[in-house]
Protein backbone atom coordinates (compact mmCIF):
# COMPACT_ATOMS: atom_id res chain seq x y z
CA UNK A 1 33.43 10.47 -8.80
CA UNK A 2 32.29 13.28 -11.16
CA UNK A 3 30.57 12.82 -14.35
CA UNK A 4 30.10 14.43 -17.71
CA UNK A 5 26.82 12.90 -18.84
CA UNK A 6 23.78 15.13 -20.01
CA UNK A 7 21.25 13.90 -17.58
CA UNK A 8 21.65 12.70 -14.31
CA UNK A 9 19.49 10.39 -12.17
CA UNK A 10 19.90 10.17 -7.94
CA UNK A 11 19.49 6.57 -6.49
CA UNK A 12 17.96 5.76 -3.43
CA UNK A 13 17.87 2.79 -1.95
CA UNK A 14 17.16 0.64 1.43
CA UNK A 15 19.81 -1.13 0.92
CA UNK A 16 18.73 -3.68 4.40
CA UNK A 17 16.51 -5.16 2.02
CA UNK A 18 18.10 -7.65 -0.27
CA UNK A 19 15.28 -6.98 -2.86
CA UNK A 20 17.00 -3.08 -3.04
CA UNK A 21 19.91 -4.56 -3.74
CA UNK A 22 19.60 -6.64 -6.63
CA UNK A 23 16.96 -4.03 -8.10
CA UNK A 24 19.48 -0.76 -7.24
CA UNK A 25 21.76 -2.89 -9.87
CA UNK A 26 19.18 -3.67 -12.72
CA UNK A 27 18.59 0.22 -12.11
CA UNK A 28 22.17 1.35 -12.74
CA UNK A 29 23.21 -0.62 -15.24
CA UNK A 30 20.63 -0.05 -17.19
CA UNK A 31 20.12 3.74 -16.44
CA UNK A 32 23.91 4.01 -17.54
CA UNK A 33 23.83 1.58 -20.72
CA UNK A 34 21.49 4.34 -21.93
CA UNK A 35 23.65 6.86 -21.61
CA UNK A 36 22.25 8.54 -18.53
CA UNK A 37 24.73 9.14 -15.33
CA UNK A 38 23.67 7.92 -11.51
CA UNK A 39 24.75 9.26 -8.12
CA UNK A 40 24.14 7.46 -5.19
CA UNK A 41 24.72 8.14 -1.53
CA UNK A 42 27.95 7.03 0.10
CA UNK A 43 27.13 4.92 2.60
CA UNK A 44 24.44 3.28 0.16
CA UNK A 45 27.24 2.38 -2.47
CA UNK A 46 29.51 0.05 -0.05
CA UNK A 47 26.61 -2.32 0.19
CA UNK A 48 25.43 -1.95 -3.81
CA UNK A 49 27.42 -3.42 -6.37
CA UNK A 50 27.39 -0.50 -8.71
CA UNK A 51 30.12 -0.34 -11.24
CA UNK A 52 33.62 2.74 -11.31
CA UNK A 53 31.43 5.06 -12.99
CA UNK A 54 28.84 5.74 -10.13
CA UNK A 55 28.83 9.08 -9.07
CA UNK A 56 28.48 9.01 -4.76
CA UNK A 57 28.16 11.79 -2.34
CA UNK A 58 28.70 12.01 1.22
CA UNK A 59 25.26 13.37 3.01
CA UNK A 60 21.73 12.97 2.33
CA UNK A 61 21.11 17.06 1.46
CA UNK A 62 18.63 19.42 -1.24
CA UNK A 63 21.96 19.62 -2.97
CA UNK A 64 23.11 16.28 -3.65
CA UNK A 65 20.05 16.61 -6.03
CA UNK A 66 21.86 19.47 -7.72
CA UNK A 67 21.71 18.73 -12.10
CA UNK A 68 19.72 15.58 -11.19
CA UNK A 69 16.46 15.49 -13.28
CA UNK A 70 14.47 12.38 -10.98
CA UNK A 71 15.00 10.79 -7.82
CA UNK A 72 14.70 7.35 -8.35
CA UNK A 73 13.75 5.59 -4.42
CA UNK A 74 13.74 1.81 -4.06
CA UNK A 75 12.24 0.38 -1.14
CA UNK A 76 8.83 1.18 1.17
CA UNK A 77 6.96 4.09 1.96
CA UNK A 78 9.43 4.84 5.06
CA UNK A 79 12.22 4.82 2.10
CA UNK A 80 9.76 7.61 0.14
CA UNK A 81 9.14 9.60 2.74
CA UNK A 82 13.25 9.73 3.61
CA UNK A 83 13.78 10.55 -0.03
CA UNK A 84 10.85 13.30 0.10
CA UNK A 85 12.91 14.73 2.60
CA UNK A 86 15.40 16.09 0.60
CA UNK A 87 13.31 15.77 -2.90
CA UNK A 88 10.80 18.65 -1.86
CA UNK A 89 13.35 20.91 -0.93
CA UNK A 90 15.44 20.46 -4.20
CA UNK A 91 12.06 20.70 -6.59
CA UNK A 92 13.69 17.35 -8.19
CA UNK A 93 10.41 14.96 -9.01
CA UNK A 94 10.67 11.31 -7.49
CA UNK A 95 9.56 8.09 -8.67
CA UNK A 96 8.97 5.10 -6.55
CA UNK A 97 9.49 1.42 -6.81
CA UNK A 98 7.93 -0.49 -4.23
CA UNK A 99 10.25 -3.24 -1.94
CA UNK A 100 7.77 -3.16 0.66
CA UNK A 101 3.90 -4.32 1.85
CA UNK A 102 1.56 -1.87 0.43
CA UNK A 103 3.64 0.84 -0.50
CA UNK A 104 0.82 3.91 -1.64
CA UNK A 105 3.62 6.28 -2.43
CA UNK A 106 4.87 4.04 -4.80
CA UNK A 107 4.07 4.23 -8.45
CA UNK A 108 5.72 0.84 -9.66
CA UNK A 109 6.95 -2.21 -8.07
CA UNK A 110 9.92 -4.28 -8.59
CA UNK A 111 8.77 -6.60 -11.41
CA UNK A 112 8.70 -3.23 -13.47
CA UNK A 113 12.48 -2.31 -13.03
CA UNK A 114 13.00 -2.92 -16.87
CA UNK A 115 9.63 -0.44 -17.79
CA UNK A 116 10.70 1.99 -15.07
CA UNK A 117 14.32 2.29 -16.88
CA UNK A 118 12.49 2.62 -20.65
CA UNK A 119 10.31 5.32 -19.48
CA UNK A 120 12.69 7.08 -17.47
CA UNK A 121 15.22 7.23 -20.15
CA UNK A 122 12.83 8.41 -22.87
CA UNK A 123 11.22 10.94 -20.41
CA UNK A 124 7.49 9.25 -20.49
CA UNK A 125 6.66 9.97 -17.42
CA UNK A 126 4.59 12.77 -15.55
CA UNK A 127 4.99 14.99 -12.55
CA UNK A 128 2.22 15.63 -10.06
CA UNK A 129 2.19 17.66 -7.13
CA UNK A 130 1.22 16.50 -3.62
CA UNK A 131 0.32 18.79 -0.91
CA UNK A 132 2.28 19.05 2.57
CA UNK A 133 1.42 20.44 5.80
CA UNK A 134 3.64 23.07 7.73
CA UNK A 135 3.60 22.66 11.81
CA UNK A 136 4.91 24.74 14.27
CA UNK A 137 4.63 24.54 17.79
CA UNK A 138 3.40 27.37 20.22
CA UNK A 139 4.21 28.07 23.96
CA UNK A 140 3.24 30.51 25.78
CA UNK A 141 3.04 32.71 22.75
CA UNK A 142 6.38 32.06 21.21
CA UNK A 143 7.48 29.71 18.82
CA UNK A 144 9.40 26.43 19.97
CA UNK A 145 9.58 24.53 16.50
CA UNK A 146 8.73 24.05 13.14
CA UNK A 147 8.44 20.83 10.98
CA UNK A 148 6.56 19.95 7.32
CA UNK A 149 5.06 17.06 6.61
CA UNK A 150 3.74 14.75 3.46
CA UNK A 151 1.28 12.25 4.90
CA UNK A 152 1.13 13.53 8.54
CA UNK A 153 1.55 15.16 11.49
CA UNK A 154 0.85 13.58 14.94
CA UNK A 155 0.61 14.62 18.46
CA UNK A 156 0.78 11.47 20.31
CA UNK A 157 1.36 10.92 24.41
CA UNK A 158 4.10 9.92 26.25
CA UNK A 159 3.52 7.70 28.50
CA UNK A 160 1.44 4.93 28.38
CA UNK A 161 -1.10 5.36 31.81
CA UNK A 162 -1.52 8.71 31.44
CA UNK A 163 -4.28 10.03 28.30
CA UNK A 164 -3.58 13.49 26.57
CA UNK A 165 -6.08 16.45 27.39
CA UNK A 166 -6.53 18.78 24.57
CA UNK A 167 -9.30 20.81 22.87
CA UNK A 168 -9.10 21.35 18.58
CA UNK A 169 -9.71 24.10 17.20
CA UNK A 170 -10.68 24.86 13.13
CA UNK A 171 -9.69 27.98 11.96
CA UNK A 172 -9.11 29.55 15.39
CA UNK A 173 -12.53 28.48 16.77
CA UNK A 174 -12.83 25.61 19.02
CA UNK A 175 -14.73 22.82 17.92
CA UNK A 176 -14.10 19.91 21.33
CA UNK A 177 -11.94 18.85 23.75
CA UNK A 178 -11.04 15.29 25.22
CA UNK A 179 -8.82 12.67 26.49
CA UNK A 180 -7.13 11.09 24.02
CA UNK A 181 -3.79 8.50 23.16
CA UNK A 182 -3.39 11.87 20.35
CA UNK A 183 -4.44 13.51 16.79
CA UNK A 184 -3.33 12.99 13.29
CA UNK A 185 -3.39 15.74 11.29
CA UNK A 186 -3.04 14.69 7.90
CA UNK A 187 -2.67 15.27 3.98
CA UNK A 188 -4.66 12.91 1.45
CA UNK A 189 -1.38 11.38 0.50
CA UNK A 190 -1.23 10.56 4.32
CA UNK A 191 -5.14 9.60 4.95
CA UNK A 192 -4.04 5.79 3.69
CA UNK A 193 -1.35 6.17 6.22
CA UNK A 194 -1.63 6.75 10.09
CA UNK A 195 -4.89 8.55 9.94
CA UNK A 196 -6.71 5.50 8.24
CA UNK A 197 -5.33 3.33 10.84
CA UNK A 198 -6.59 5.86 13.18
CA UNK A 199 -10.21 5.42 11.59
CA UNK A 200 -10.08 8.01 9.35
CA UNK A 201 -11.83 8.70 5.80
CA UNK A 202 -9.62 7.52 2.62
CA UNK A 203 -9.17 10.88 0.71
CA UNK A 204 -8.59 10.43 -2.97
CA UNK A 205 -4.96 12.65 -3.64
CA UNK A 206 -6.71 15.06 -6.17
CA UNK A 207 -8.60 16.08 -3.53
CA UNK A 208 -7.24 18.69 -1.52
CA UNK A 209 -8.53 18.60 2.20
CA UNK A 210 -6.48 18.65 5.79
CA UNK A 211 -7.68 15.96 8.06
CA UNK A 212 -8.13 15.40 11.68
CA UNK A 213 -8.75 11.65 13.05
CA UNK A 214 -8.62 10.88 17.12
CA UNK A 215 -6.25 8.28 18.15
CA UNK A 216 -8.42 6.66 21.01
CA UNK A 217 -10.37 9.17 22.22
CA UNK A 218 -12.75 9.07 25.51
CA UNK A 219 -15.48 10.70 24.28
CA UNK A 220 -18.78 10.18 22.63
CA UNK A 221 -17.96 12.74 19.74
CA UNK A 222 -14.37 12.27 17.98
CA UNK A 223 -15.44 11.92 14.51
CA UNK A 224 -12.79 12.61 11.75
CA UNK A 225 -13.20 16.10 11.17
CA UNK A 226 -12.21 16.88 6.80
CA UNK A 227 -12.01 20.55 5.94
CA UNK A 228 -10.93 23.10 3.77
CA UNK A 229 -7.18 23.45 2.70
CA UNK A 230 -6.70 26.87 3.47
CA UNK A 231 -8.25 25.95 7.19
CA UNK A 232 -5.57 26.10 9.61
CA UNK A 233 -6.16 22.86 12.46
CA UNK A 234 -4.84 23.07 15.90
CA UNK A 235 -4.24 21.01 18.49
CA UNK A 236 -4.05 22.58 22.08
CA UNK A 237 -2.92 20.55 24.78
CA UNK A 238 -4.08 21.58 28.38
CA UNK A 239 -1.44 22.84 30.82
CA UNK A 240 -2.07 20.28 33.64
CA UNK A 241 -1.62 17.15 31.79
CA UNK A 242 2.17 15.35 31.43
CA UNK A 243 4.10 16.88 28.14
CA UNK A 244 3.89 15.35 24.63
CA UNK A 245 5.49 14.44 21.49
CA UNK A 246 5.00 15.28 18.02
CA UNK A 247 5.93 12.77 15.28
CA UNK A 248 6.20 13.95 10.79
CA UNK A 249 5.56 11.17 8.82
CA UNK A 250 6.23 9.08 11.64
CA UNK A 251 10.30 10.24 10.70
CA UNK A 252 11.16 13.47 12.71
CA UNK A 253 10.25 13.44 16.46
CA UNK A 254 10.31 16.54 19.14
CA UNK A 255 9.25 16.58 22.85
CA UNK A 256 6.12 19.46 23.19
CA UNK A 257 5.89 21.18 26.34
CA UNK A 258 3.35 21.46 28.99
CA UNK A 259 0.89 23.52 27.35
CA UNK A 260 1.98 23.02 23.91
CA UNK A 261 -0.37 24.54 21.22
CA UNK A 262 0.33 22.70 18.06
CA UNK A 263 -1.02 24.46 14.67
CA UNK A 264 -1.35 22.66 10.92
CA UNK A 265 -1.83 24.10 7.85
CA UNK A 266 -1.36 23.76 4.20
CA UNK A 267 2.59 23.24 3.58
CA UNK A 268 4.33 26.54 1.45
CA UNK A 269 6.33 23.83 -0.73
CA UNK A 270 4.66 20.26 -2.49
CA UNK A 271 6.66 16.78 -2.93
CA UNK A 272 6.60 16.21 -7.12
CA UNK A 273 6.12 12.54 -7.99
CA UNK A 274 6.58 11.17 -11.46
CA UNK A 275 3.91 9.12 -12.27
CA UNK A 276 4.51 6.26 -14.89
CA UNK A 277 0.47 6.05 -16.00
CA UNK A 278 -2.86 7.35 -15.75
CA UNK A 279 -4.38 4.51 -13.52
CA UNK A 280 -6.87 5.76 -11.10
CA UNK A 281 -6.39 5.82 -7.61
CA UNK A 282 -9.72 3.67 -7.31
CA UNK A 283 -8.10 0.71 -8.90
CA UNK A 284 -4.64 1.56 -6.75
CA UNK A 285 -6.94 1.22 -3.61
CA UNK A 286 -8.53 -2.07 -4.39
CA UNK A 287 -5.52 -3.48 -5.92
CA UNK A 288 -3.11 -2.18 -2.82
CA UNK A 289 -5.92 -3.69 0.44
CA UNK A 290 -7.48 -6.76 -2.23
CA UNK A 291 -10.78 -5.26 -1.75
CA UNK A 292 -13.47 -7.55 -2.89
CA UNK A 293 -15.12 -5.87 -5.85
CA UNK A 294 -17.69 -8.96 -6.98
CA UNK A 295 -20.23 -9.04 -4.29
CA UNK A 296 -21.18 -10.87 -1.30
CA UNK A 297 -23.48 -12.66 -3.31
CA UNK A 298 -21.11 -14.07 -5.83
CA UNK A 299 -21.25 -13.42 -9.86
CA UNK A 300 -24.45 -13.94 -11.50
CA UNK A 301 -25.94 -16.99 -12.26
């Protein structure tokens, strides 16, 4: 169905969650009531109780966001990463509502739906850009694969019984080599995702940097590395070990041939996130992880 509305918002939802279905219904009704058009994927529309005047599109491509001013995503970080795949290419800002567990990429929680609709209707939001990484896989000097990531590009072993053997390089200079289960190359945004689980540092989103975090390294020196955002990180897989696999944001994967070299650098295209308020990342970190901030001695007497 085609709309003739001045403003259109795209809605992406994790329809496998009952909470997402209820939330989508509330958001759609609020936006339509305020005169905004709503567009959704055809497959998701079948699972959602939507009015007839909601527009549907068949495929999740950058073109499906044409003429949309915002992409609203209802779900966890996995759903937000799915939305980022076509929001990045289109340049449309993405606003996440967390229906998952941690939800570092989300800007609002499910209890904030009325506020989300109000802010969108009144354009009371700001847009910030988040670094991405571009990934190039080489073998024998030839490029065999290219990709990108918002959170991280992870080189991992395939078989449980055999470690990878790698040499890590920064800006074309070797740093160290060891056997390991994998290497995570992350952005500051991704520092609270896979890199965090692997023992990497938490990096504030406004810090421009790249991270390289070993996974279960068999080495005395296997510390996480934080480099300039203009550095080129490289993971060179030794030719006598089994092939590995490359995961980008835990969503896109490709098998790495024996002797592959994976290069990671600052992405040419950022992901744009809509922000509703100026809450500090420190407060977000404390709330998401329920960190104790009163001190182990308790309140002063």
